[in-house]
Amino acid sequence: MPRKKPAPSANVVSIAAARLARSIPKEEKECDPFDVMETMIEMYYVTLNTQLNILRTERK
């Protein structure tokens, strides 16, 4: 019986987000607060969606 590939954990998503933030040059980090908030909301959505997928996978 083939093993199911585990879904990425929310921790993996947050690590990827932190690496992405560190890769942006400092000159470009000065930006509109609304852009920052929009990005944070998108990352929060991705994290919640990933956690939901993990729960669905575990339930099967």
Protein backbone atom coordinates (compact mmCIF):
# COMPACT_ATOMS: atom_id res chain seq x y z
CA MET A 1 0.00 0.00 0.00
CA PRO A 2 1.61 3.32 -1.05
CA ARG A 3 2.23 5.88 1.66
CA LYS A 4 0.53 9.25 1.43
CA LYS A 5 2.81 12.21 0.92
CA PRO A 6 2.47 14.43 4.02
CA ALA A 7 1.10 17.92 3.52
CA PRO A 8 3.48 20.78 4.35
CA SER A 9 3.02 21.99 7.90
CA ALA A 10 2.18 25.57 8.77
CA ASN A 11 5.70 25.84 10.18
CA VAL A 12 7.14 25.14 6.71
CA VAL A 13 4.97 27.91 5.29
CA SER A 14 6.09 30.41 7.94
CA ILE A 15 9.76 29.50 7.41
CA ALA A 16 9.33 30.06 3.67
CA ALA A 17 7.71 33.45 4.36
CA ALA A 18 10.58 34.46 6.67
CA ARG A 19 13.17 33.47 4.06
CA LEU A 20 11.30 35.45 1.42
CA ALA A 21 11.20 38.52 3.68
CA ARG A 22 14.96 38.27 4.35
CA SER A 23 15.70 37.98 0.64
CA ILE A 24 14.15 41.38 -0.16
CA PRO A 25 16.82 44.14 -0.34
CA LYS A 26 16.58 46.72 2.45
CA GLU A 27 15.89 49.54 0.00
CA GLU A 28 12.68 47.81 -1.06
CA LYS A 29 11.46 47.07 2.48
CA GLU A 30 10.26 50.65 2.91
CA CYS A 31 6.78 50.33 1.52
CA ASP A 32 3.14 51.18 2.01
CA PRO A 33 1.67 49.79 5.28
CA PHE A 34 -1.39 48.65 3.35
CA ASP A 35 0.80 46.46 1.13
CA VAL A 36 2.37 44.97 4.24
CA MET A 37 -1.06 44.26 5.75
CA GLU A 38 -2.29 42.70 2.51
CA THR A 39 0.74 40.40 2.41
CA MET A 40 0.24 39.43 6.06
CA ILE A 41 -3.40 38.58 5.40
CA GLU A 42 -2.44 36.48 2.37
CA MET A 43 0.19 34.60 4.39
CA TYR A 44 -2.34 34.03 7.19
CA TYR A 45 -4.79 32.62 4.63
CA VAL A 46 -2.11 30.31 3.22
CA THR A 47 -1.25 29.13 6.74
CA LEU A 48 -4.88 28.42 7.62
CA ASN A 49 -5.47 26.67 4.31
CA THR A 50 -2.39 24.50 4.86
CA GLN A 51 -3.53 23.56 8.36
CA LEU A 52 -6.98 22.69 7.00
CA ASN A 53 -5.42 20.45 4.34
CA ILE A 54 -3.32 18.73 7.01
CA LEU A 55 -6.43 18.03 9.08
CA ARG A 56 -8.28 16.70 6.04
CA THR A 57 -5.34 14.44 5.18
CA GLU A 58 -5.11 13.09 8.73
CA ARG A 59 -8.84 12.38 8.83
CA LYS A 60 -8.74 10.16 5.72
